[in-house]
Amino acid sequence: VQLVESGGGLVQPGGSLRLSCAASGFTFSSYVLYWFRQASGNERELVASISNYGGTTNYANSVKGRFTISRDNAKNTVYLQMNSLKPEDTAVYFCKAGVRTDYWGQGTQVPVSS
């Protein structure tokens, strides 16, 4: 099982980024997918989730209206479109597959700073 995030990097406040997470080694469409983030000194927090075929999405209140999670089961990839970024969005972002699994990516850093 492998989950590989990409797309992170330094962005100015108000800017946008799209994170990607490419998966392999399991039946991608069988799993709910998640994006988590962890800021320095904080616990890991759930940012967004998406159901197996994308029909249901959920977001943390702190990102609702600014972030969009999506998936492409044909490409075994989940995305997180992040708009109107704020300094408090600065964190390492992780993707995860499934609830009761240990399927995590290695994380990608997103510093939001001018």
PDB file of N, CA and C in Angstrom:
ATOM      1  N   VAL A   1       0.847  -1.192   0.000  1.00  0.00           N
ATOM      2  CA  VAL A   1       0.000   0.000   0.000  1.00  0.00           C
ATOM      3  C   VAL A   1       0.883   1.243   0.000  1.00  0.00           C
ATOM      4  N   GLN A   2       0.547   2.186  -0.881  1.00  0.00           N
ATOM      5  CA  GLN A   2       1.319   3.422  -0.932  1.00  0.00           C
ATOM      6  C   GLN A   2       0.399   4.597  -1.234  1.00  0.00           C
ATOM      7  N   LEU A   3       0.592   5.672  -0.495  1.00  0.00           N
ATOM      8  CA  LEU A   3      -0.105   6.932  -0.715  1.00  0.00           C
ATOM      9  C   LEU A   3       0.951   8.026  -0.785  1.00  0.00           C
ATOM     10  N   VAL A   4       0.963   8.765  -1.874  1.00  0.00           N
ATOM     11  CA  VAL A   4       2.012   9.761  -2.084  1.00  0.00           C
ATOM     12  C   VAL A   4       1.379  11.110  -2.365  1.00  0.00           C
ATOM     13  N   GLU A   5       1.568  12.038  -1.430  1.00  0.00           N
ATOM     14  CA  GLU A   5       1.049  13.386  -1.604  1.00  0.00           C
ATOM     15  C   GLU A   5       2.018  14.239  -2.417  1.00  0.00           C
ATOM     16  N   SER A   6       1.467  15.205  -3.113  1.00  0.00           N
ATOM     17  CA  SER A   6       2.271  16.189  -3.842  1.00  0.00           C
ATOM     18  C   SER A   6       1.481  17.484  -3.959  1.00  0.00           C
ATOM     19  N   GLY A   7       2.174  18.547  -4.356  1.00  0.00           N
ATOM     20  CA  GLY A   7       1.503  19.816  -4.597  1.00  0.00           C
ATOM     21  C   GLY A   7       1.686  20.850  -3.514  1.00  0.00           C
ATOM     22  N   GLY A   8       2.341  20.483  -2.419  1.00  0.00           N
ATOM     23  CA  GLY A   8       2.572  21.452  -1.361  1.00  0.00           C
ATOM     24  C   GLY A   8       3.640  22.455  -1.737  1.00  0.00           C
ATOM     25  N   GLY A   9       3.786  23.465  -0.904  1.00  0.00           N
ATOM     26  CA  GLY A   9       4.791  24.480  -1.144  1.00  0.00           C
ATOM     27  C   GLY A   9       4.363  25.804  -0.566  1.00  0.00           C
ATOM     28  N   LEU A  10       5.294  26.741  -0.540  1.00  0.00           N
ATOM     29  CA  LEU A  10       5.030  28.059   0.034  1.00  0.00           C
ATOM     30  C   LEU A  10       4.005  28.821  -0.803  1.00  0.00           C
ATOM     31  N   VAL A  11       3.027  29.417  -0.130  1.00  0.00           N
ATOM     32  CA  VAL A  11       1.992  30.187  -0.810  1.00  0.00           C
ATOM     33  C   VAL A  11       1.684  31.418   0.044  1.00  0.00           C
ATOM     34  N   GLN A  12       1.349  32.501  -0.613  1.00  0.00           N
ATOM     35  CA  GLN A  12       1.008  33.731   0.103  1.00  0.00           C
ATOM     36  C   GLN A  12      -0.428  33.674   0.608  1.00  0.00           C
ATOM     37  N   PRO A  13      -0.732  34.393   1.674  1.00  0.00           N
ATOM     38  CA  PRO A  13      -2.132  34.479   2.125  1.00  0.00           C
ATOM     39  C   PRO A  13      -3.037  34.939   0.995  1.00  0.00           C
ATOM     40  N   GLY A  14      -4.193  34.288   0.890  1.00  0.00           N
ATOM     41  CA  GLY A  14      -5.115  34.575  -0.196  1.00  0.00           C
ATOM     42  C   GLY A  14      -4.892  33.734  -1.436  1.00  0.00           C
ATOM     43  N   GLY A  15      -3.796  33.017  -1.470  1.00  0.00           N
ATOM     44  CA  GLY A  15      -3.464  32.197  -2.629  1.00  0.00           C
ATOM     45  C   GLY A  15      -4.153  30.853  -2.631  1.00  0.00           C
ATOM     46  N   SER A  16      -3.826  30.046  -3.650  1.00  0.00           N
ATOM     47  CA  SER A  16      -4.444  28.731  -3.832  1.00  0.00           C
ATOM     48  C   SER A  16      -3.376  27.679  -4.080  1.00  0.00           C
ATOM     49  N   LEU A  17      -3.709  26.463  -3.723  1.00  0.00           N
ATOM     50  CA  LEU A  17      -2.897  25.289  -4.020  1.00  0.00           C
ATOM     51  C   LEU A  17      -3.825  24.120  -4.253  1.00  0.00           C
ATOM     52  N   ARG A  18      -3.370  23.169  -5.058  1.00  0.00           N
ATOM     53  CA  ARG A  18      -4.095  21.907  -5.186  1.00  0.00           C
ATOM     54  C   ARG A  18      -3.158  20.771  -4.795  1.00  0.00           C
ATOM     55  N   LEU A  19      -3.537  20.067  -3.762  1.00  0.00           N
ATOM     56  CA  LEU A  19      -2.790  18.891  -3.333  1.00  0.00           C
ATOM     57  C   LEU A  19      -3.340  17.658  -4.043  1.00  0.00           C
ATOM     58  N   SER A  20      -2.452  16.730  -4.330  1.00  0.00           N
ATOM     59  CA  SER A  20      -2.831  15.445  -4.912  1.00  0.00           C
ATOM     60  C   SER A  20      -2.297  14.326  -4.031  1.00  0.00           C
ATOM     61  N   CYS A  21      -2.983  13.209  -4.047  1.00  0.00           N
ATOM     62  CA  CYS A  21      -2.529  12.019  -3.332  1.00  0.00           C
ATOM     63  C   CYS A  21      -2.773  10.827  -4.238  1.00  0.00           C
ATOM     64  N   ALA A  22      -1.690  10.253  -4.735  1.00  0.00           N
ATOM     65  CA  ALA A  22      -1.771   9.102  -5.624  1.00  0.00           C
ATOM     66  C   ALA A  22      -1.639   7.823  -4.822  1.00  0.00           C
ATOM     67  N   ALA A  23      -2.562   6.893  -5.039  1.00  0.00           N
ATOM     68  CA  ALA A  23      -2.610   5.670  -4.246  1.00  0.00           C
ATOM     69  C   ALA A  23      -2.313   4.446  -5.098  1.00  0.00           C
ATOM     70  N   SER A  24      -1.796   3.416  -4.446  1.00  0.00           N
ATOM     71  CA  SER A  24      -1.566   2.131  -5.108  1.00  0.00           C
ATOM     72  C   SER A  24      -1.540   1.037  -4.066  1.00  0.00           C
ATOM     73  N   GLY A  25      -1.783  -0.183  -4.518  1.00  0.00           N
ATOM     74  CA  GLY A  25      -1.667  -1.330  -3.625  1.00  0.00           C
ATOM     75  C   GLY A  25      -2.944  -1.755  -2.933  1.00  0.00           C
ATOM     76  N   PHE A  26      -4.056  -1.093  -3.233  1.00  0.00           N
ATOM     77  CA  PHE A  26      -5.336  -1.492  -2.659  1.00  0.00           C
ATOM     78  C   PHE A  26      -6.441  -1.045  -3.609  1.00  0.00           C
ATOM     79  N   THR A  27      -7.661  -1.524  -3.361  1.00  0.00           N
ATOM     80  CA  THR A  27      -8.793  -1.188  -4.230  1.00  0.00           C
ATOM     81  C   THR A  27      -9.305   0.195  -3.848  1.00  0.00           C
ATOM     82  N   PHE A  28      -8.840   1.170  -4.583  1.00  0.00           N
ATOM     83  CA  PHE A  28      -9.036   2.584  -4.243  1.00  0.00           C
ATOM     84  C   PHE A  28     -10.509   2.927  -4.037  1.00  0.00           C
ATOM     85  N   SER A  29     -11.363   2.466  -4.913  1.00  0.00           N
ATOM     86  CA  SER A  29     -12.770   2.865  -4.866  1.00  0.00           C
ATOM     87  C   SER A  29     -13.520   2.245  -3.695  1.00  0.00           C
ATOM     88  N   SER A  30     -12.895   1.330  -2.986  1.00  0.00           N
ATOM     89  CA  SER A  30     -13.546   0.691  -1.840  1.00  0.00           C
ATOM     90  C   SER A  30     -13.426   1.497  -0.554  1.00  0.00           C
ATOM     91  N   TYR A  31     -12.661   2.576  -0.607  1.00  0.00           N
ATOM     92  CA  TYR A  31     -12.329   3.298   0.617  1.00  0.00           C
ATOM     93  C   TYR A  31     -12.809   4.746   0.605  1.00  0.00           C
ATOM     94  N   VAL A  32     -13.341   5.144   1.762  1.00  0.00           N
ATOM     95  CA  VAL A  32     -13.513   6.570   2.019  1.00  0.00           C
ATOM     96  C   VAL A  32     -12.113   7.178   2.159  1.00  0.00           C
ATOM     97  N   LEU A  33     -11.953   8.389   1.673  1.00  0.00           N
ATOM     98  CA  LEU A  33     -10.645   9.036   1.698  1.00  0.00           C
ATOM     99  C   LEU A  33     -10.708  10.312   2.527  1.00  0.00           C
ATOM    100  N   TYR A  34      -9.592  10.638   3.134  1.00  0.00           N
ATOM    101  CA  TYR A  34      -9.517  11.768   4.049  1.00  0.00           C
ATOM    102  C   TYR A  34      -8.276  12.603   3.764  1.00  0.00           C
ATOM    103  N   TRP A  35      -8.397  13.882   4.055  1.00  0.00           N
ATOM    104  CA  TRP A  35      -7.237  14.763   4.183  1.00  0.00           C
ATOM    105  C   TRP A  35      -7.198  15.233   5.645  1.00  0.00           C
ATOM    106  N   PHE A  36      -6.045  15.084   6.251  1.00  0.00           N
ATOM    107  CA  PHE A  36      -5.763  15.579   7.586  1.00  0.00           C
ATOM    108  C   PHE A  36      -4.651  16.615   7.474  1.00  0.00           C
ATOM    109  N   ARG A  37      -4.490  17.391   8.517  1.00  0.00           N
ATOM    110  CA  ARG A  37      -3.337  18.282   8.603  1.00  0.00           C
ATOM    111  C   ARG A  37      -2.849  18.351  10.043  1.00  0.00           C
ATOM    112  N   GLN A  38      -1.566  18.674  10.151  1.00  0.00           N
ATOM    113  CA  GLN A  38      -0.955  18.793  11.471  1.00  0.00           C
ATOM    114  C   GLN A  38      -0.019  19.986  11.471  1.00  0.00           C
ATOM    115  N   ALA A  39      -0.386  20.988  12.247  1.00  0.00           N
ATOM    116  CA  ALA A  39       0.475  22.155  12.423  1.00  0.00           C
ATOM    117  C   ALA A  39       1.485  21.867  13.520  1.00  0.00           C
ATOM    118  N   SER A  40       2.589  22.556  13.496  1.00  0.00           N
ATOM    119  CA  SER A  40       3.648  22.340  14.468  1.00  0.00           C
ATOM    120  C   SER A  40       3.118  22.517  15.884  1.00  0.00           C
ATOM    121  N   GLY A  41       3.334  21.497  16.729  1.00  0.00           N
ATOM    122  CA  GLY A  41       2.902  21.553  18.115  1.00  0.00           C
ATOM    123  C   GLY A  41       1.452  21.197  18.353  1.00  0.00           C
ATOM    124  N   ASN A  42       0.735  20.918  17.262  1.00  0.00           N
ATOM    125  CA  ASN A  42      -0.691  20.584  17.388  1.00  0.00           C
ATOM    126  C   ASN A  42      -0.952  19.128  17.056  1.00  0.00           C
ATOM    127  N   GLU A  43      -2.141  18.670  17.424  1.00  0.00           N
ATOM    128  CA  GLU A  43      -2.547  17.322  17.050  1.00  0.00           C
ATOM    129  C   GLU A  43      -3.011  17.316  15.589  1.00  0.00           C
ATOM    130  N   ARG A  44      -2.963  16.145  14.999  1.00  0.00           N
ATOM    131  CA  ARG A  44      -3.449  16.000  13.634  1.00  0.00           C
ATOM    132  C   ARG A  44      -4.957  16.191  13.636  1.00  0.00           C
ATOM    133  N   GLU A  45      -5.464  16.966  12.669  1.00  0.00           N
ATOM    134  CA  GLU A  45      -6.897  17.235  12.608  1.00  0.00           C
ATOM    135  C   GLU A  45      -7.456  16.871  11.240  1.00  0.00           C
ATOM    136  N   LEU A  46      -8.701  16.447  11.244  1.00  0.00           N
ATOM    137  CA  LEU A  46      -9.383  16.087  10.005  1.00  0.00           C
ATOM    138  C   LEU A  46      -9.796  17.357   9.273  1.00  0.00           C
ATOM    139  N   VAL A  47      -9.469  17.418   8.007  1.00  0.00           N
ATOM    140  CA  VAL A  47      -9.807  18.569   7.173  1.00  0.00           C
ATOM    141  C   VAL A  47     -11.025  18.281   6.302  1.00  0.00           C
ATOM    142  N   ALA A  48     -11.018  17.119   5.637  1.00  0.00           N
ATOM    143  CA  ALA A  48     -12.096  16.815   4.699  1.00  0.00           C
ATOM    144  C   ALA A  48     -12.148  15.318   4.463  1.00  0.00           C
ATOM    145  N   SER A  49     -13.332  14.856   4.041  1.00  0.00           N
ATOM    146  CA  SER A  49     -13.493  13.459   3.678  1.00  0.00           C
ATOM    147  C   SER A  49     -14.384  13.370   2.449  1.00  0.00           C
ATOM    148  N   ILE A  50     -14.255  12.235   1.752  1.00  0.00           N
ATOM    149  CA  ILE A  50     -15.064  12.006   0.559  1.00  0.00           C
ATOM    150  C   ILE A  50     -15.416  10.534   0.483  1.00  0.00           C
ATOM    151  N   SER A  51     -16.655  10.250   0.141  1.00  0.00           N
ATOM    152  CA  SER A  51     -17.131   8.876   0.083  1.00  0.00           C
ATOM    153  C   SER A  51     -16.550   8.152  -1.129  1.00  0.00           C
ATOM    154  N   ASN A  52     -16.841   6.858  -1.213  1.00  0.00           N
ATOM    155  CA  ASN A  52     -16.202   5.977  -2.188  1.00  0.00           C
ATOM    156  C   ASN A  52     -16.281   6.496  -3.619  1.00  0.00           C
ATOM    157  N   TYR A  53     -17.464   6.998  -4.013  1.00  0.00           N
ATOM    158  CA  TYR A  53     -17.639   7.463  -5.376  1.00  0.00           C
ATOM    159  C   TYR A  53     -17.861   8.966  -5.461  1.00  0.00           C
ATOM    160  N   GLY A  54     -17.529   9.644  -4.353  1.00  0.00           N
ATOM    161  CA  GLY A  54     -17.523  11.108  -4.371  1.00  0.00           C
ATOM    162  C   GLY A  54     -18.852  11.776  -4.114  1.00  0.00           C
ATOM    163  N   GLY A  55     -19.885  11.005  -3.799  1.00  0.00           N
ATOM    164  CA  GLY A  55     -21.203  11.599  -3.638  1.00  0.00           C
ATOM    165  C   GLY A  55     -21.390  12.393  -2.363  1.00  0.00           C
ATOM    166  N   THR A  56     -20.568  12.090  -1.363  1.00  0.00           N
ATOM    167  CA  THR A  56     -20.689  12.768  -0.076  1.00  0.00           C
ATOM    168  C   THR A  56     -19.339  13.312   0.339  1.00  0.00           C
ATOM    169  N   THR A  57     -19.310  14.580   0.683  1.00  0.00           N
ATOM    170  CA  THR A  57     -18.093  15.211   1.195  1.00  0.00           C
ATOM    171  C   THR A  57     -18.413  15.920   2.505  1.00  0.00           C
ATOM    172  N   ASN A  58     -17.408  15.990   3.339  1.00  0.00           N
ATOM    173  CA  ASN A  58     -17.537  16.696   4.614  1.00  0.00           C
ATOM    174  C   ASN A  58     -16.272  17.501   4.874  1.00  0.00           C
ATOM    175  N   TYR A  59     -16.451  18.618   5.574  1.00  0.00           N
ATOM    176  CA  TYR A  59     -15.324  19.524   5.810  1.00  0.00           C
ATOM    177  C   TYR A  59     -15.301  20.000   7.252  1.00  0.00           C
ATOM    178  N   ALA A  60     -14.115  20.270   7.736  1.00  0.00           N
ATOM    179  CA  ALA A  60     -13.983  20.967   9.006  1.00  0.00           C
ATOM    180  C   ALA A  60     -14.534  22.379   8.844  1.00  0.00           C
ATOM    181  N   ASN A  61     -15.111  22.900   9.910  1.00  0.00           N
ATOM    182  CA  ASN A  61     -15.685  24.244   9.839  1.00  0.00           C
ATOM    183  C   ASN A  61     -14.646  25.281   9.419  1.00  0.00           C
ATOM    184  N   SER A  62     -13.406  25.058   9.817  1.00  0.00           N
ATOM    185  CA  SER A  62     -12.357  26.037   9.547  1.00  0.00           C
ATOM    186  C   SER A  62     -12.019  26.161   8.066  1.00  0.00           C
ATOM    187  N   VAL A  63     -12.389  25.176   7.245  1.00  0.00           N
ATOM    188  CA  VAL A  63     -12.039  25.220   5.820  1.00  0.00           C
ATOM    189  C   VAL A  63     -13.267  25.234   4.918  1.00  0.00           C
ATOM    190  N   LYS A  64     -14.446  25.111   5.494  1.00  0.00           N
ATOM    191  CA  LYS A  64     -15.668  25.042   4.697  1.00  0.00           C
ATOM    192  C   LYS A  64     -15.811  26.293   3.844  1.00  0.00           C
ATOM    193  N   GLY A  65     -16.110  26.081   2.569  1.00  0.00           N
ATOM    194  CA  GLY A  65     -16.255  27.187   1.644  1.00  0.00           C
ATOM    195  C   GLY A  65     -14.969  27.617   0.970  1.00  0.00           C
ATOM    196  N   ARG A  66     -13.832  27.118   1.470  1.00  0.00           N
ATOM    197  CA  ARG A  66     -12.535  27.478   0.888  1.00  0.00           C
ATOM    198  C   ARG A  66     -11.829  26.266   0.271  1.00  0.00           C
ATOM    199  N   PHE A  67     -12.028  25.091   0.843  1.00  0.00           N
ATOM    200  CA  PHE A  67     -11.361  23.869   0.375  1.00  0.00           C
ATOM    201  C   PHE A  67     -12.396  22.971  -0.291  1.00  0.00           C
ATOM    202  N   THR A  68     -11.945  22.216  -1.286  1.00  0.00           N
ATOM    203  CA  THR A  68     -12.785  21.240  -1.969  1.00  0.00           C
ATOM    204  C   THR A  68     -12.018  19.941  -2.130  1.00  0.00           C
ATOM    205  N   ILE A  69     -12.608  18.855  -1.638  1.00  0.00           N
ATOM    206  CA  ILE A  69     -12.021  17.536  -1.816  1.00  0.00           C
ATOM    207  C   ILE A  69     -12.702  16.863  -2.999  1.00  0.00           C
ATOM    208  N   SER A  70     -11.919  16.140  -3.796  1.00  0.00           N
ATOM    209  CA  SER A  70     -12.469  15.410  -4.925  1.00  0.00           C
ATOM    210  C   SER A  70     -11.609  14.177  -5.150  1.00  0.00           C
ATOM    211  N   ARG A  71     -12.108  13.256  -5.952  1.00  0.00           N
ATOM    212  CA  ARG A  71     -11.363  12.033  -6.236  1.00  0.00           C
ATOM    213  C   ARG A  71     -11.597  11.607  -7.664  1.00  0.00           C
ATOM    214  N   ASP A  72     -10.623  10.902  -8.208  1.00  0.00           N
ATOM    215  CA  ASP A  72     -10.721  10.309  -9.536  1.00  0.00           C
ATOM    216  C   ASP A  72     -10.370   8.834  -9.375  1.00  0.00           C
ATOM    217  N   ASN A  73     -11.385   7.994  -9.314  1.00  0.00           N
ATOM    218  CA  ASN A  73     -11.135   6.572  -9.070  1.00  0.00           C
ATOM    219  C   ASN A  73     -10.412   5.905 -10.244  1.00  0.00           C
ATOM    220  N   ALA A  74     -10.537   6.464 -11.427  1.00  0.00           N
ATOM    221  CA  ALA A  74      -9.826   5.916 -12.575  1.00  0.00           C
ATOM    222  C   ALA A  74      -8.318   6.154 -12.469  1.00  0.00           C
ATOM    223  N   LYS A  75      -7.955   7.218 -11.763  1.00  0.00           N
ATOM    224  CA  LYS A  75      -6.532   7.552 -11.595  1.00  0.00           C
ATOM    225  C   LYS A  75      -6.020   7.210 -10.197  1.00  0.00           C
ATOM    226  N   ASN A  76      -6.883   6.636  -9.359  1.00  0.00           N
ATOM    227  CA  ASN A  76      -6.495   6.312  -7.982  1.00  0.00           C
ATOM    228  C   ASN A  76      -5.894   7.521  -7.271  1.00  0.00           C
ATOM    229  N   THR A  77      -6.556   8.647  -7.414  1.00  0.00           N
ATOM    230  CA  THR A  77      -6.018   9.897  -6.873  1.00  0.00           C
ATOM    231  C   THR A  77      -7.116  10.697  -6.181  1.00  0.00           C
ATOM    232  N   VAL A  78      -6.756  11.275  -5.052  1.00  0.00           N
ATOM    233  CA  VAL A  78      -7.640  12.189  -4.342  1.00  0.00           C
ATOM    234  C   VAL A  78      -6.977  13.558  -4.321  1.00  0.00           C
ATOM    235  N   TYR A  79      -7.802  14.588  -4.385  1.00  0.00           N
ATOM    236  CA  TYR A  79      -7.304  15.954  -4.476  1.00  0.00           C
ATOM    237  C   TYR A  79      -7.863  16.807  -3.339  1.00  0.00           C
ATOM    238  N   LEU A  80      -7.143  17.869  -3.034  1.00  0.00           N
ATOM    239  CA  LEU A  80      -7.645  18.887  -2.123  1.00  0.00           C
ATOM    240  C   LEU A  80      -7.327  20.246  -2.744  1.00  0.00           C
ATOM    241  N   GLN A  81      -8.366  20.895  -3.244  1.00  0.00           N
ATOM    242  CA  GLN A  81      -8.210  22.245  -3.775  1.00  0.00           C
ATOM    243  C   GLN A  81      -8.374  23.226  -2.624  1.00  0.00           C
ATOM    244  N   MET A  82      -7.357  24.050  -2.400  1.00  0.00           N
ATOM    245  CA  MET A  82      -7.356  24.978  -1.274  1.00  0.00           C
ATOM    246  C   MET A  82      -7.291  26.402  -1.815  1.00  0.00           C
ATOM    247  N   ASN A  83      -8.325  27.166  -1.543  1.00  0.00           N
ATOM    248  CA  ASN A  83      -8.411  28.560  -1.987  1.00  0.00           C
ATOM    249  C   ASN A  83      -8.437  29.490  -0.774  1.00  0.00           C
ATOM    250  N   SER A  84      -8.175  30.758  -1.030  1.00  0.00           N
ATOM    251  CA  SER A  84      -8.216  31.776   0.034  1.00  0.00           C
ATOM    252  C   SER A  84      -7.427  31.330   1.264  1.00  0.00           C
ATOM    253  N   LEU A  85      -6.232  30.863   1.025  1.00  0.00           N
ATOM    254  CA  LEU A  85      -5.427  30.312   2.121  1.00  0.00           C
ATOM    255  C   LEU A  85      -5.068  31.376   3.140  1.00  0.00           C
ATOM    256  N   LYS A  86      -5.010  30.934   4.392  1.00  0.00           N
ATOM    257  CA  LYS A  86      -4.711  31.809   5.526  1.00  0.00           C
ATOM    258  C   LYS A  86      -3.452  31.298   6.232  1.00  0.00           C
ATOM    259  N   PRO A  87      -2.771  32.150   6.953  1.00  0.00           N
ATOM    260  CA  PRO A  87      -1.583  31.679   7.695  1.00  0.00           C
ATOM    261  C   PRO A  87      -1.909  30.508   8.619  1.00  0.00           C
ATOM    262  N   GLU A  88      -3.108  30.482   9.178  1.00  0.00           N
ATOM    263  CA  GLU A  88      -3.477  29.383  10.069  1.00  0.00           C
ATOM    264  C   GLU A  88      -3.708  28.062   9.349  1.00  0.00           C
ATOM    265  N   ASP A  89      -3.674  28.065   8.036  1.00  0.00           N
ATOM    266  CA  ASP A  89      -3.734  26.814   7.268  1.00  0.00           C
ATOM    267  C   ASP A  89      -2.358  26.161   7.155  1.00  0.00           C
ATOM    268  N   THR A  90      -1.335  26.842   7.618  1.00  0.00           N
ATOM    269  CA  THR A  90       0.020  26.299   7.576  1.00  0.00           C
ATOM    270  C   THR A  90       0.088  24.987   8.351  1.00  0.00           C
ATOM    271  N   ALA A  91       0.526  23.927   7.677  1.00  0.00           N
ATOM    272  CA  ALA A  91       0.572  22.593   8.296  1.00  0.00           C
ATOM    273  C   ALA A  91       1.206  21.614   7.322  1.00  0.00           C
ATOM    274  N   VAL A  92       1.451  20.427   7.810  1.00  0.00           N
ATOM    275  CA  VAL A  92       1.741  19.292   6.937  1.00  0.00           C
ATOM    276  C   VAL A  92       0.409  18.604   6.655  1.00  0.00           C
ATOM    277  N   TYR A  93       0.138  18.383   5.390  1.00  0.00           N
ATOM    278  CA  TYR A  93      -1.132  17.779   4.962  1.00  0.00           C
ATOM    279  C   TYR A  93      -0.910  16.317   4.588  1.00  0.00           C
ATOM    280  N   PHE A  94      -1.788  15.461   5.118  1.00  0.00           N
ATOM    281  CA  PHE A  94      -1.693  14.025   4.906  1.00  0.00           C
ATOM    282  C   PHE A  94      -2.981  13.505   4.283  1.00  0.00           C
ATOM    283  N   CYS A  95      -2.877  12.537   3.410  1.00  0.00           N
ATOM    284  CA  CYS A  95      -4.063  11.817   2.955  1.00  0.00           C
ATOM    285  C   CYS A  95      -4.118  10.469   3.667  1.00  0.00           C
ATOM    286  N   LYS A  96      -5.320   9.973   3.791  1.00  0.00           N
ATOM    287  CA  LYS A  96      -5.554   8.687   4.453  1.00  0.00           C
ATOM    288  C   LYS A  96      -6.666   7.959   3.729  1.00  0.00           C
ATOM    289  N   ALA A  97      -6.547   6.646   3.659  1.00  0.00           N
ATOM    290  CA  ALA A  97      -7.578   5.816   3.051  1.00  0.00           C
ATOM    291  C   ALA A  97      -8.193   4.931   4.123  1.00  0.00           C
ATOM    292  N   GLY A  98      -9.505   4.996   4.255  1.00  0.00           N
ATOM    293  CA  GLY A  98     -10.218   4.122   5.166  1.00  0.00           C
ATOM    294  C   GLY A  98     -10.223   4.634   6.595  1.00  0.00           C
ATOM    295  N   VAL A  99     -11.166   4.126   7.363  1.00  0.00           N
ATOM    296  CA  VAL A  99     -11.305   4.535   8.761  1.00  0.00           C
ATOM    297  C   VAL A  99     -10.413   3.680   9.652  1.00  0.00           C
ATOM    298  N   ARG A 100     -10.594   2.383   9.587  1.00  0.00           N
ATOM    299  CA  ARG A 100      -9.858   1.476  10.465  1.00  0.00           C
ATOM    300  C   ARG A 100      -8.680   0.850   9.722  1.00  0.00           C
ATOM    301  N   THR A 101      -7.871   1.729   9.144  1.00  0.00           N
ATOM    302  CA  THR A 101      -6.650   1.283   8.463  1.00  0.00           C
ATOM    303  C   THR A 101      -5.492   2.149   8.927  1.00  0.00           C
ATOM    304  N   ASP A 102      -4.324   1.730   8.525  1.00  0.00           N
ATOM    305  CA  ASP A 102      -3.123   2.530   8.763  1.00  0.00           C
ATOM    306  C   ASP A 102      -2.562   3.027   7.444  1.00  0.00           C
ATOM    307  N   TYR A 103      -3.438   3.317   6.490  1.00  0.00           N
ATOM    308  CA  TYR A 103      -3.025   3.734   5.159  1.00  0.00           C
ATOM    309  C   TYR A 103      -2.877   5.255   5.139  1.00  0.00           C
ATOM    310  N   TRP A 104      -1.671   5.729   5.390  1.00  0.00           N
ATOM    311  CA  TRP A 104      -1.358   7.147   5.418  1.00  0.00           C
ATOM    312  C   TRP A 104      -0.288   7.473   4.390  1.00  0.00           C
ATOM    313  N   GLY A 105      -0.358   8.680   3.851  1.00  0.00           N
ATOM    314  CA  GLY A 105       0.739   9.194   3.068  1.00  0.00           C
ATOM    315  C   GLY A 105       1.801   9.769   3.972  1.00  0.00           C
ATOM    316  N   GLN A 106       2.901  10.228   3.350  1.00  0.00           N
ATOM    317  CA  GLN A 106       4.021  10.735   4.127  1.00  0.00           C
ATOM    318  C   GLN A 106       3.872  12.214   4.472  1.00  0.00           C
ATOM    319  N   GLY A 107       2.937  12.888   3.834  1.00  0.00           N
ATOM    320  CA  GLY A 107       2.666  14.294   4.111  1.00  0.00           C
ATOM    321  C   GLY A 107       3.354  15.231   3.142  1.00  0.00           C
ATOM    322  N   THR A 108       2.745  16.394   2.968  1.00  0.00           N
ATOM    323  CA  THR A 108       3.329  17.450   2.152  1.00  0.00           C
ATOM    324  C   THR A 108       3.142  18.769   2.890  1.00  0.00           C
ATOM    325  N   GLN A 109       4.201  19.577   2.913  1.00  0.00           N
ATOM    326  CA  GLN A 109       4.177  20.812   3.695  1.00  0.00           C
ATOM    327  C   GLN A 109       3.497  21.931   2.933  1.00  0.00           C
ATOM    328  N   VAL A 110       2.686  22.685   3.668  1.00  0.00           N
ATOM    329  CA  VAL A 110       2.025  23.853   3.097  1.00  0.00           C
ATOM    330  C   VAL A 110       2.246  25.027   4.049  1.00  0.00           C
ATOM    331  N   PRO A 111       3.291  25.822   3.799  1.00  0.00           N
ATOM    332  CA  PRO A 111       3.471  27.053   4.566  1.00  0.00           C
ATOM    333  C   PRO A 111       2.717  28.194   3.888  1.00  0.00           C
ATOM    334  N   VAL A 112       1.913  28.921   4.648  1.00  0.00           N
ATOM    335  CA  VAL A 112       1.176  30.071   4.119  1.00  0.00           C
ATOM    336  C   VAL A 112       1.752  31.314   4.785  1.00  0.00           C
ATOM    337  N   SER A 113       2.474  32.087   4.012  1.00  0.00           N
ATOM    338  CA  SER A 113       3.173  33.229   4.580  1.00  0.00           C
ATOM    339  C   SER A 113       3.512  34.230   3.498  1.00  0.00           C
ATOM    340  N   SER A 114       3.538  35.499   3.887  1.00  0.00           N
ATOM    341  CA  SER A 114       3.966  36.543   2.955  1.00  0.00           C
ATOM    342  C   SER A 114       5.461  36.820   3.125  1.00  0.00           C
TER     343      SER A 114
END
